[in-house]
Amino acid sequence: MKIAIAPGRYVVAVSGGVDSMVLLDLLTKQVGISLVVAHFDHGVRSDSAEDRKLVEQVAQSHGLDFVYQTAQLGAEVSEDAARQARYDFLERVKIEQGAQGVILAHHQDDVLETMLLNMIRGTGRRGLSSLRSTKERVRPLLAKTKSELKQYAQEQGIMWHEDSTNANPKYLRNYLRQHIMPKMSPMERQQLLDIYTTMQSINDRIDEEIASVLNGRSETSGLANKQGIYQRRWFIMLPQAVAQEVVAEYLRRHHVKNIDKRLISRLVVAIKTARPHTMYDVDAAQILEISKKTFQIKPRYS
């Protein structure tokens, strides 16, 4: 099994499960990369410390730097909250270590599970191609199936720990993994993968167009300055669906986390209808300020 990683320094996320342990093994055979092994203990299982010990031992055997954090999220934490806490940790390690990206062990089964999960939740267009590889979040195993990774681990004598929470039926992803995915035929899997590939291309094009809308507003017809102040008049004229896409991109540019339909819809309505000199919450650190002619996201305390 081979993967290709551009030369550079990376943080590799290793949980101790078979996927990430295979990833770590493959990365140690790459030339031209420097690795920091990062492990996040969610504090959900009583035996999770054993995972950390395994990952640390393997990292040390390869002479790699090892960083970990133990959280106390509790057994009732949601999958979304646990994932956000893990990504926050990985991003912090990336910055502290001067790394150019984080390498993650998501594979083809994860792609399909995520698509199904997002469709059940009522996803927008991005939910059909959300799990992808970027420069900052590198996912070199997306073309590999779970069975291929397990076979490689067994052939190479790689040790791993099974996460008991993966069998917990309270998580919708686990239900899909246990009851839906095994029933999918090769043709059905391929059909979903074709949709995934197509939506990647479509979403990239849409994102380019939305970015152009924001970037292309001149001082007299939209963008007033480099602080992201926009004229309300052109925005009010946008169709609702386009306005929602523009606001979503605007929020992403301001690094807003947990962007959802409710937040987007609330801010679209505010920009189009709010009275002058009103402010709306965006997140804990930022607000949307609306004047008679313009709107902008700015720090809550400035």
C-alpha atoms as a PDB file:
ATOM      1  CA  MET A   1       0.000   0.000   0.000  1.00  0.00           C
ATOM      2  CA  LYS A   2       1.410   3.374  -1.006  1.00  0.00           C
ATOM      3  CA  ILE A   3       0.503   6.998  -0.343  1.00  0.00           C
ATOM      4  CA  ALA A   4       1.998  10.229  -1.600  1.00  0.00           C
ATOM      5  CA  ILE A   5       2.647  13.187   0.711  1.00  0.00           C
ATOM      6  CA  ALA A   6       4.281  16.457  -0.342  1.00  0.00           C
ATOM      7  CA  PRO A   7       7.541  17.175   1.490  1.00  0.00           C
ATOM      8  CA  GLY A   8       7.209  19.227   4.665  1.00  0.00           C
ATOM      9  CA  ARG A   9       6.409  19.136   8.357  1.00  0.00           C
ATOM     10  CA  TYR A  10       3.069  17.686   9.453  1.00  0.00           C
ATOM     11  CA  VAL A  11       1.038  16.798  12.494  1.00  0.00           C
ATOM     12  CA  VAL A  12      -0.408  13.304  12.142  1.00  0.00           C
ATOM     13  CA  ALA A  13      -3.540  12.532  14.164  1.00  0.00           C
ATOM     14  CA  VAL A  14      -3.280   9.053  15.686  1.00  0.00           C
ATOM     15  CA  SER A  15      -6.075   7.682  17.858  1.00  0.00           C
ATOM     16  CA  GLY A  16      -4.712   4.167  18.269  1.00  0.00           C
ATOM     17  CA  GLY A  17      -7.345   2.594  16.015  1.00  0.00           C
ATOM     18  CA  VAL A  18      -6.436   0.530  12.989  1.00  0.00           C
ATOM     19  CA  ASP A  19      -6.939   3.373  10.482  1.00  0.00           C
ATOM     20  CA  SER A  20      -4.569   5.840  12.117  1.00  0.00           C
ATOM     21  CA  MET A  21      -2.024   3.191  13.092  1.00  0.00           C
ATOM     22  CA  VAL A  22      -1.813   2.095   9.454  1.00  0.00           C
ATOM     23  CA  LEU A  23      -1.502   5.728   8.419  1.00  0.00           C
ATOM     24  CA  LEU A  24       1.362   6.272  10.862  1.00  0.00           C
ATOM     25  CA  ASP A  25       3.139   3.183   9.576  1.00  0.00           C
ATOM     26  CA  LEU A  26       2.824   4.352   5.967  1.00  0.00           C
ATOM     27  CA  LEU A  27       4.026   7.838   6.839  1.00  0.00           C
ATOM     28  CA  THR A  28       7.173   6.550   8.526  1.00  0.00           C
ATOM     29  CA  LYS A  29       8.166   5.099   5.156  1.00  0.00           C
ATOM     30  CA  GLN A  30       7.823   8.448   3.352  1.00  0.00           C
ATOM     31  CA  VAL A  31      10.859  10.485   2.384  1.00  0.00           C
ATOM     32  CA  GLY A  32      11.118  14.227   2.906  1.00  0.00           C
ATOM     33  CA  ILE A  33       8.531  14.672   5.647  1.00  0.00           C
ATOM     34  CA  SER A  34       8.858  15.526   9.327  1.00  0.00           C
ATOM     35  CA  LEU A  35       6.164  14.245  11.672  1.00  0.00           C
ATOM     36  CA  VAL A  36       4.673  15.178  15.011  1.00  0.00           C
ATOM     37  CA  VAL A  37       2.351  12.478  16.349  1.00  0.00           C
ATOM     38  CA  ALA A  38      -0.709  13.998  18.048  1.00  0.00           C
ATOM     39  CA  HIS A  39      -3.165  12.045  20.197  1.00  0.00           C
ATOM     40  CA  PHE A  40      -6.393  13.416  21.662  1.00  0.00           C
ATOM     41  CA  ASP A  41      -8.032  11.548  24.537  1.00  0.00           C
ATOM     42  CA  HIS A  42     -11.696  12.594  24.633  1.00  0.00           C
ATOM     43  CA  GLY A  43     -12.153  11.336  28.178  1.00  0.00           C
ATOM     44  CA  VAL A  44     -15.134   9.244  27.165  1.00  0.00           C
ATOM     45  CA  ARG A  45     -13.860   5.731  27.939  1.00  0.00           C
ATOM     46  CA  SER A  46     -12.282   4.478  31.159  1.00  0.00           C
ATOM     47  CA  ASP A  47      -9.625   2.546  29.213  1.00  0.00           C
ATOM     48  CA  SER A  48      -8.662   5.343  26.817  1.00  0.00           C
ATOM     49  CA  ALA A  49      -5.281   5.854  28.509  1.00  0.00           C
ATOM     50  CA  GLU A  50      -4.207   2.546  26.978  1.00  0.00           C
ATOM     51  CA  ASP A  51      -4.691   4.039  23.526  1.00  0.00           C
ATOM     52  CA  ARG A  52      -2.355   6.902  24.379  1.00  0.00           C
ATOM     53  CA  LYS A  53       0.297   4.528  25.709  1.00  0.00           C
ATOM     54  CA  LEU A  54       0.204   2.477  22.499  1.00  0.00           C
ATOM     55  CA  VAL A  55       0.474   5.536  20.240  1.00  0.00           C
ATOM     56  CA  GLU A  56       3.265   7.040  22.342  1.00  0.00           C
ATOM     57  CA  GLN A  57       5.211   3.777  22.306  1.00  0.00           C
ATOM     58  CA  VAL A  58       5.010   3.457  18.516  1.00  0.00           C
ATOM     59  CA  ALA A  59       5.894   7.133  18.015  1.00  0.00           C
ATOM     60  CA  GLN A  60       8.949   6.769  20.223  1.00  0.00           C
ATOM     61  CA  SER A  61      10.022   3.599  18.410  1.00  0.00           C
ATOM     62  CA  HIS A  62      10.236   5.687  15.240  1.00  0.00           C
ATOM     63  CA  GLY A  63      11.947   8.587  16.973  1.00  0.00           C
ATOM     64  CA  LEU A  64       8.990  10.916  16.426  1.00  0.00           C
ATOM     65  CA  ASP A  65       7.807  13.803  18.584  1.00  0.00           C
ATOM     66  CA  PHE A  66       4.645  12.954  20.502  1.00  0.00           C
ATOM     67  CA  VAL A  67       2.013  15.392  21.800  1.00  0.00           C
ATOM     68  CA  TYR A  68      -1.239  14.526  23.546  1.00  0.00           C
ATOM     69  CA  GLN A  69      -4.112  16.098  25.421  1.00  0.00           C
ATOM     70  CA  THR A  70      -6.550  14.478  27.809  1.00  0.00           C
ATOM     71  CA  ALA A  71     -10.005  16.056  27.905  1.00  0.00           C
ATOM     72  CA  GLN A  72     -12.966  15.219  30.109  1.00  0.00           C
ATOM     73  CA  LEU A  73     -15.826  15.429  27.627  1.00  0.00           C
ATOM     74  CA  GLY A  74     -17.840  12.677  29.307  1.00  0.00           C
ATOM     75  CA  ALA A  75     -19.767   9.726  27.933  1.00  0.00           C
ATOM     76  CA  GLU A  76     -22.739  11.842  26.851  1.00  0.00           C
ATOM     77  CA  VAL A  77     -20.784  14.176  24.573  1.00  0.00           C
ATOM     78  CA  SER A  78     -22.131  14.475  21.033  1.00  0.00           C
ATOM     79  CA  GLU A  79     -20.122  13.308  18.039  1.00  0.00           C
ATOM     80  CA  ASP A  80     -20.005  16.873  16.684  1.00  0.00           C
ATOM     81  CA  ALA A  81     -18.709  18.320  19.955  1.00  0.00           C
ATOM     82  CA  ALA A  82     -16.070  15.609  20.270  1.00  0.00           C
ATOM     83  CA  ARG A  83     -14.926  16.173  16.706  1.00  0.00           C
ATOM     84  CA  GLN A  84     -14.689  19.940  17.196  1.00  0.00           C
ATOM     85  CA  ALA A  85     -12.631  19.514  20.374  1.00  0.00           C
ATOM     86  CA  ARG A  86     -10.287  17.148  18.535  1.00  0.00           C
ATOM     87  CA  TYR A  87      -9.847  19.509  15.581  1.00  0.00           C
ATOM     88  CA  ASP A  88      -9.222  22.460  17.917  1.00  0.00           C
ATOM     89  CA  PHE A  89      -6.442  20.449  19.561  1.00  0.00           C
ATOM     90  CA  LEU A  90      -4.904  19.443  16.230  1.00  0.00           C
ATOM     91  CA  GLU A  91      -5.003  23.011  14.934  1.00  0.00           C
ATOM     92  CA  ARG A  92      -3.287  24.258  18.065  1.00  0.00           C
ATOM     93  CA  VAL A  93      -0.551  21.620  17.762  1.00  0.00           C
ATOM     94  CA  LYS A  94      -0.073  22.504  14.092  1.00  0.00           C
ATOM     95  CA  ILE A  95       0.527  26.156  14.964  1.00  0.00           C
ATOM     96  CA  GLU A  96       2.776  25.382  17.931  1.00  0.00           C
ATOM     97  CA  GLN A  97       4.878  22.937  15.901  1.00  0.00           C
ATOM     98  CA  GLY A  98       5.138  25.157  12.829  1.00  0.00           C
ATOM     99  CA  ALA A  99       3.574  22.424  10.690  1.00  0.00           C
ATOM    100  CA  GLN A 100       2.041  23.065   7.278  1.00  0.00           C
ATOM    101  CA  GLY A 101      -0.859  20.677   7.736  1.00  0.00           C
ATOM    102  CA  VAL A 102      -2.560  17.924   9.702  1.00  0.00           C
ATOM    103  CA  ILE A 103      -2.685  14.407   8.257  1.00  0.00           C
ATOM    104  CA  LEU A 104      -5.856  12.442   9.036  1.00  0.00           C
ATOM    105  CA  ALA A 105      -6.743   8.769   8.574  1.00  0.00           C
ATOM    106  CA  HIS A 106     -10.177   9.092   6.965  1.00  0.00           C
ATOM    107  CA  HIS A 107     -10.775   6.438   4.325  1.00  0.00           C
ATOM    108  CA  GLN A 108     -13.333   5.508   1.676  1.00  0.00           C
ATOM    109  CA  ASP A 109     -15.828   4.027   4.150  1.00  0.00           C
ATOM    110  CA  ASP A 110     -15.697   7.302   6.102  1.00  0.00           C
ATOM    111  CA  VAL A 111     -16.523   9.197   2.914  1.00  0.00           C
ATOM    112  CA  LEU A 112     -19.630   7.101   2.292  1.00  0.00           C
ATOM    113  CA  GLU A 113     -20.741   7.152   5.952  1.00  0.00           C
ATOM    114  CA  THR A 114     -20.393  10.923   6.072  1.00  0.00           C
ATOM    115  CA  MET A 115     -22.404  11.359   2.882  1.00  0.00           C
ATOM    116  CA  LEU A 116     -25.220   9.168   4.214  1.00  0.00           C
ATOM    117  CA  LEU A 117     -25.131  10.856   7.612  1.00  0.00           C
ATOM    118  CA  ASN A 118     -25.339  14.317   6.066  1.00  0.00           C
ATOM    119  CA  MET A 119     -28.177  13.306   3.741  1.00  0.00           C
ATOM    120  CA  ILE A 120     -30.197  11.978   6.688  1.00  0.00           C
ATOM    121  CA  ARG A 121     -29.606  15.259   8.532  1.00  0.00           C
ATOM    122  CA  GLY A 122     -30.767  17.248   5.518  1.00  0.00           C
ATOM    123  CA  THR A 123     -27.448  18.382   4.129  1.00  0.00           C
ATOM    124  CA  GLY A 124     -26.750  21.224   1.764  1.00  0.00           C
ATOM    125  CA  ARG A 125     -24.526  20.814  -1.270  1.00  0.00           C
ATOM    126  CA  ARG A 126     -21.297  20.842   0.745  1.00  0.00           C
ATOM    127  CA  GLY A 127     -22.380  17.867   2.822  1.00  0.00           C
ATOM    128  CA  LEU A 128     -22.026  15.585  -0.217  1.00  0.00           C
ATOM    129  CA  SER A 129     -18.313  16.285  -0.530  1.00  0.00           C
ATOM    130  CA  SER A 130     -17.361  17.526   2.931  1.00  0.00           C
ATOM    131  CA  LEU A 131     -14.761  14.846   3.621  1.00  0.00           C
ATOM    132  CA  ARG A 132     -11.913  15.688   1.280  1.00  0.00           C
ATOM    133  CA  SER A 133      -8.190  16.323   1.277  1.00  0.00           C
ATOM    134  CA  THR A 134      -6.830  19.880   1.421  1.00  0.00           C
ATOM    135  CA  LYS A 135      -3.416  21.434   1.980  1.00  0.00           C
ATOM    136  CA  GLU A 136      -4.147  21.985   5.660  1.00  0.00           C
ATOM    137  CA  ARG A 137      -6.081  18.760   6.289  1.00  0.00           C
ATOM    138  CA  VAL A 138      -4.423  16.021   4.307  1.00  0.00           C
ATOM    139  CA  ARG A 139      -6.338  12.768   3.913  1.00  0.00           C
ATOM    140  CA  PRO A 140      -4.189  10.353   1.861  1.00  0.00           C
ATOM    141  CA  LEU A 141      -6.343   7.261   2.552  1.00  0.00           C
ATOM    142  CA  LEU A 142      -9.620   8.415   0.990  1.00  0.00           C
ATOM    143  CA  ALA A 143      -9.308   5.893  -1.850  1.00  0.00           C
ATOM    144  CA  LYS A 144      -8.655   2.987   0.552  1.00  0.00           C
ATOM    145  CA  THR A 145     -11.405   0.859   2.056  1.00  0.00           C
ATOM    146  CA  LYS A 146     -11.596  -0.159   5.700  1.00  0.00           C
ATOM    147  CA  SER A 147     -11.045  -3.795   4.753  1.00  0.00           C
ATOM    148  CA  GLU A 148      -7.878  -2.890   2.838  1.00  0.00           C
ATOM    149  CA  LEU A 149      -6.501  -1.066   5.864  1.00  0.00           C
ATOM    150  CA  LYS A 150      -7.254  -3.995   8.172  1.00  0.00           C
ATOM    151  CA  GLN A 151      -5.639  -6.421   5.777  1.00  0.00           C
ATOM    152  CA  TYR A 152      -2.516  -4.262   5.586  1.00  0.00           C
ATOM    153  CA  ALA A 153      -2.360  -4.024   9.387  1.00  0.00           C
ATOM    154  CA  GLN A 154      -2.604  -7.784   9.754  1.00  0.00           C
ATOM    155  CA  GLU A 155       0.026  -8.425   7.077  1.00  0.00           C
ATOM    156  CA  GLN A 156       2.451  -5.920   8.613  1.00  0.00           C
ATOM    157  CA  GLY A 157       1.845  -6.974  12.215  1.00  0.00           C
ATOM    158  CA  ILE A 158       0.598  -3.530  13.224  1.00  0.00           C
ATOM    159  CA  MET A 159      -0.954  -3.297  16.671  1.00  0.00           C
ATOM    160  CA  TRP A 160      -4.099  -1.269  17.294  1.00  0.00           C
ATOM    161  CA  HIS A 161      -6.904  -0.837  19.810  1.00  0.00           C
ATOM    162  CA  GLU A 162     -10.590  -1.130  19.033  1.00  0.00           C
ATOM    163  CA  ASP A 163     -12.653   1.803  20.299  1.00  0.00           C
ATOM    164  CA  SER A 164     -15.635   0.394  22.204  1.00  0.00           C
ATOM    165  CA  THR A 165     -17.680   3.554  21.526  1.00  0.00           C
ATOM    166  CA  ASN A 166     -17.749   2.569  17.848  1.00  0.00           C
ATOM    167  CA  ALA A 167     -20.377   0.003  18.816  1.00  0.00           C
ATOM    168  CA  ASN A 168     -22.546   2.456  20.743  1.00  0.00           C
ATOM    169  CA  PRO A 169     -25.921   2.579  18.940  1.00  0.00           C
ATOM    170  CA  LYS A 170     -26.690   6.100  20.236  1.00  0.00           C
ATOM    171  CA  TYR A 171     -24.426   7.471  17.517  1.00  0.00           C
ATOM    172  CA  LEU A 172     -26.139   7.544  14.123  1.00  0.00           C
ATOM    173  CA  ARG A 173     -22.809   6.988  12.388  1.00  0.00           C
ATOM    174  CA  ASN A 174     -22.398   3.694  14.226  1.00  0.00           C
ATOM    175  CA  TYR A 175     -25.845   2.558  13.092  1.00  0.00           C
ATOM    176  CA  LEU A 176     -24.931   3.321   9.491  1.00  0.00           C
ATOM    177  CA  ARG A 177     -21.609   1.534   9.906  1.00  0.00           C
ATOM    178  CA  GLN A 178     -23.149  -1.585  11.413  1.00  0.00           C
ATOM    179  CA  HIS A 179     -26.461  -1.929   9.587  1.00  0.00           C
ATOM    180  CA  ILE A 180     -26.385   0.038   6.324  1.00  0.00           C
ATOM    181  CA  MET A 181     -22.844  -0.035   4.980  1.00  0.00           C
ATOM    182  CA  PRO A 182     -22.465  -3.864   5.098  1.00  0.00           C
ATOM    183  CA  LYS A 183     -25.627  -4.217   2.956  1.00  0.00           C
ATOM    184  CA  MET A 184     -24.400  -1.941   0.190  1.00  0.00           C
ATOM    185  CA  SER A 185     -23.367  -3.690  -2.997  1.00  0.00           C
ATOM    186  CA  PRO A 186     -20.154  -2.717  -4.845  1.00  0.00           C
ATOM    187  CA  MET A 187     -22.325  -0.995  -7.458  1.00  0.00           C
ATOM    188  CA  GLU A 188     -24.168   1.038  -4.816  1.00  0.00           C
ATOM    189  CA  ARG A 189     -20.885   2.064  -3.217  1.00  0.00           C
ATOM    190  CA  GLN A 190     -19.560   3.161  -6.589  1.00  0.00           C
ATOM    191  CA  GLN A 191     -22.718   5.149  -7.326  1.00  0.00           C
ATOM    192  CA  LEU A 192     -22.249   7.094  -4.087  1.00  0.00           C
ATOM    193  CA  LEU A 193     -18.568   7.626  -4.855  1.00  0.00           C
ATOM    194  CA  ASP A 194     -19.496   8.965  -8.300  1.00  0.00           C
ATOM    195  CA  ILE A 195     -21.863  11.465  -6.648  1.00  0.00           C
ATOM    196  CA  TYR A 196     -19.070  12.436  -4.252  1.00  0.00           C
ATOM    197  CA  THR A 197     -16.628  13.072  -7.115  1.00  0.00           C
ATOM    198  CA  THR A 198     -19.184  15.028  -9.131  1.00  0.00           C
ATOM    199  CA  MET A 199     -20.160  17.187  -6.160  1.00  0.00           C
ATOM    200  CA  GLN A 200     -16.528  17.996  -5.435  1.00  0.00           C
ATOM    201  CA  SER A 201     -16.217  19.514  -8.899  1.00  0.00           C
ATOM    202  CA  ILE A 202     -19.584  21.306  -8.730  1.00  0.00           C
ATOM    203  CA  ASN A 203     -18.920  22.697  -5.258  1.00  0.00           C
ATOM    204  CA  ASP A 204     -15.494  23.955  -6.252  1.00  0.00           C
ATOM    205  CA  ARG A 205     -17.038  25.873  -9.133  1.00  0.00           C
ATOM    206  CA  ILE A 206     -19.843  27.293  -6.994  1.00  0.00           C
ATOM    207  CA  ASP A 207     -17.352  28.334  -4.307  1.00  0.00           C
ATOM    208  CA  GLU A 208     -15.284  30.125  -6.940  1.00  0.00           C
ATOM    209  CA  GLU A 209     -18.352  32.024  -8.131  1.00  0.00           C
ATOM    210  CA  ILE A 210     -19.400  32.973  -4.596  1.00  0.00           C
ATOM    211  CA  ALA A 211     -15.862  34.135  -3.800  1.00  0.00           C
ATOM    212  CA  SER A 212     -15.933  36.203  -6.973  1.00  0.00           C
ATOM    213  CA  VAL A 213     -19.138  37.880  -5.821  1.00  0.00           C
ATOM    214  CA  LEU A 214     -17.439  38.958  -2.594  1.00  0.00           C
ATOM    215  CA  ASN A 215     -14.052  39.802  -4.085  1.00  0.00           C
ATOM    216  CA  GLY A 216     -15.410  41.635  -7.090  1.00  0.00           C
ATOM    217  CA  ARG A 217     -17.437  44.261  -5.301  1.00  0.00           C
ATOM    218  CA  SER A 218     -15.805  47.629  -5.987  1.00  0.00           C
ATOM    219  CA  GLU A 219     -15.734  50.534  -3.556  1.00  0.00           C
ATOM    220  CA  THR A 220     -18.691  52.112  -5.301  1.00  0.00           C
ATOM    221  CA  SER A 221     -20.736  48.980  -5.977  1.00  0.00           C
ATOM    222  CA  GLY A 222     -20.066  46.727  -3.011  1.00  0.00           C
ATOM    223  CA  LEU A 223     -16.869  46.187  -1.086  1.00  0.00           C
ATOM    224  CA  ALA A 224     -16.088  49.474   0.636  1.00  0.00           C
ATOM    225  CA  ASN A 225     -12.644  48.590   2.024  1.00  0.00           C
ATOM    226  CA  LYS A 226     -10.372  45.761   3.047  1.00  0.00           C
ATOM    227  CA  GLN A 227     -12.226  45.241   6.322  1.00  0.00           C
ATOM    228  CA  GLY A 228     -15.086  43.485   4.521  1.00  0.00           C
ATOM    229  CA  ILE A 229     -17.703  46.203   4.654  1.00  0.00           C
ATOM    230  CA  TYR A 230     -20.417  45.572   2.060  1.00  0.00           C
ATOM    231  CA  GLN A 231     -23.211  47.656   0.654  1.00  0.00           C
ATOM    232  CA  ARG A 232     -26.648  46.341   1.592  1.00  0.00           C
ATOM    233  CA  ARG A 233     -28.300  47.410  -1.670  1.00  0.00           C
ATOM    234  CA  TRP A 234     -26.620  44.834  -3.908  1.00  0.00           C
ATOM    235  CA  PHE A 235     -27.118  42.119  -1.273  1.00  0.00           C
ATOM    236  CA  ILE A 236     -30.838  42.842  -0.931  1.00  0.00           C
ATOM    237  CA  MET A 237     -31.214  42.236  -4.662  1.00  0.00           C
ATOM    238  CA  LEU A 238     -29.703  38.739  -4.461  1.00  0.00           C
ATOM    239  CA  PRO A 239     -32.016  35.696  -4.689  1.00  0.00           C
ATOM    240  CA  GLN A 240     -32.449  34.039  -1.304  1.00  0.00           C
ATOM    241  CA  ALA A 241     -30.421  30.936  -2.172  1.00  0.00           C
ATOM    242  CA  VAL A 242     -27.518  33.023  -3.482  1.00  0.00           C
ATOM    243  CA  ALA A 243     -27.685  35.340  -0.463  1.00  0.00           C
ATOM    244  CA  GLN A 244     -27.375  32.334   1.844  1.00  0.00           C
ATOM    245  CA  GLU A 245     -24.314  31.098  -0.045  1.00  0.00           C
ATOM    246  CA  VAL A 246     -22.716  34.548   0.149  1.00  0.00           C
ATOM    247  CA  VAL A 247     -23.309  34.807   3.893  1.00  0.00           C
ATOM    248  CA  ALA A 248     -21.919  31.302   4.442  1.00  0.00           C
ATOM    249  CA  GLU A 249     -18.728  32.248   2.599  1.00  0.00           C
ATOM    250  CA  TYR A 250     -18.544  35.542   4.495  1.00  0.00           C
ATOM    251  CA  LEU A 251     -18.743  33.632   7.782  1.00  0.00           C
ATOM    252  CA  ARG A 252     -16.036  31.195   6.699  1.00  0.00           C
ATOM    253  CA  ARG A 253     -13.751  34.099   5.847  1.00  0.00           C
ATOM    254  CA  HIS A 254     -14.158  35.325   9.402  1.00  0.00           C
ATOM    255  CA  HIS A 255     -13.327  31.846  10.740  1.00  0.00           C
ATOM    256  CA  VAL A 256     -16.748  31.351  12.301  1.00  0.00           C
ATOM    257  CA  LYS A 257     -17.197  27.849  13.675  1.00  0.00           C
ATOM    258  CA  ASN A 258     -20.399  25.807  13.758  1.00  0.00           C
ATOM    259  CA  ILE A 259     -21.977  27.511  10.769  1.00  0.00           C
ATOM    260  CA  ASP A 260     -25.489  26.124  10.345  1.00  0.00           C
ATOM    261  CA  LYS A 261     -28.657  26.906   8.410  1.00  0.00           C
ATOM    262  CA  ARG A 262     -30.264  28.741  11.328  1.00  0.00           C
ATOM    263  CA  LEU A 263     -27.334  31.155  11.694  1.00  0.00           C
ATOM    264  CA  ILE A 264     -27.124  31.770   7.951  1.00  0.00           C
ATOM    265  CA  SER A 265     -30.861  32.381   7.569  1.00  0.00           C
ATOM    266  CA  ARG A 266     -30.962  34.714  10.574  1.00  0.00           C
ATOM    267  CA  LEU A 267     -28.134  36.863   9.226  1.00  0.00           C
ATOM    268  CA  VAL A 268     -29.548  36.954   5.679  1.00  0.00           C
ATOM    269  CA  VAL A 269     -32.861  38.265   7.013  1.00  0.00           C
ATOM    270  CA  ALA A 270     -31.049  40.764   9.208  1.00  0.00           C
ATOM    271  CA  ILE A 271     -28.955  42.170   6.374  1.00  0.00           C
ATOM    272  CA  LYS A 272     -31.989  42.522   4.126  1.00  0.00           C
ATOM    273  CA  THR A 273     -34.507  43.896   6.629  1.00  0.00           C
ATOM    274  CA  ALA A 274     -32.896  45.170   9.838  1.00  0.00           C
ATOM    275  CA  ARG A 275     -33.118  48.745  10.924  1.00  0.00           C
ATOM    276  CA  PRO A 276     -29.920  50.861  10.839  1.00  0.00           C
ATOM    277  CA  HIS A 277     -27.527  50.773  13.813  1.00  0.00           C
ATOM    278  CA  THR A 278     -28.451  47.241  14.875  1.00  0.00           C
ATOM    279  CA  MET A 279     -26.135  44.379  15.817  1.00  0.00           C
ATOM    280  CA  TYR A 280     -26.567  40.604  15.676  1.00  0.00           C
ATOM    281  CA  ASP A 281     -24.589  37.826  17.342  1.00  0.00           C
ATOM    282  CA  VAL A 282     -22.335  35.815  15.041  1.00  0.00           C
ATOM    283  CA  ASP A 283     -20.315  33.886  17.619  1.00  0.00           C
ATOM    284  CA  ALA A 284     -18.717  34.490  21.004  1.00  0.00           C
ATOM    285  CA  ALA A 285     -16.096  36.833  19.545  1.00  0.00           C
ATOM    286  CA  GLN A 286     -17.867  38.553  16.635  1.00  0.00           C
ATOM    287  CA  ILE A 287     -21.015  40.475  15.751  1.00  0.00           C
ATOM    288  CA  LEU A 288     -22.730  41.576  12.550  1.00  0.00           C
ATOM    289  CA  GLU A 289     -23.122  45.349  12.519  1.00  0.00           C
ATOM    290  CA  ILE A 290     -25.726  46.849  10.199  1.00  0.00           C
ATOM    291  CA  SER A 291     -25.973  50.497   9.237  1.00  0.00           C
ATOM    292  CA  LYS A 292     -28.368  52.150   6.839  1.00  0.00           C
ATOM    293  CA  LYS A 293     -26.245  51.333   3.787  1.00  0.00           C
ATOM    294  CA  THR A 294     -23.674  48.737   4.855  1.00  0.00           C
ATOM    295  CA  PHE A 295     -23.049  45.590   6.866  1.00  0.00           C
ATOM    296  CA  GLN A 296     -19.908  44.062   8.307  1.00  0.00           C
ATOM    297  CA  ILE A 297     -18.669  41.404  10.713  1.00  0.00           C
ATOM    298  CA  LYS A 298     -16.442  42.882  13.379  1.00  0.00           C
ATOM    299  CA  PRO A 299     -14.978  41.934  16.774  1.00  0.00           C
ATOM    300  CA  ARG A 300     -17.512  41.982  19.586  1.00  0.00           C
ATOM    301  CA  TYR A 301     -15.172  44.133  21.656  1.00  0.00           C
ATOM    302  CA  SER A 302     -13.224  46.651  19.609  1.00  0.00           C
END
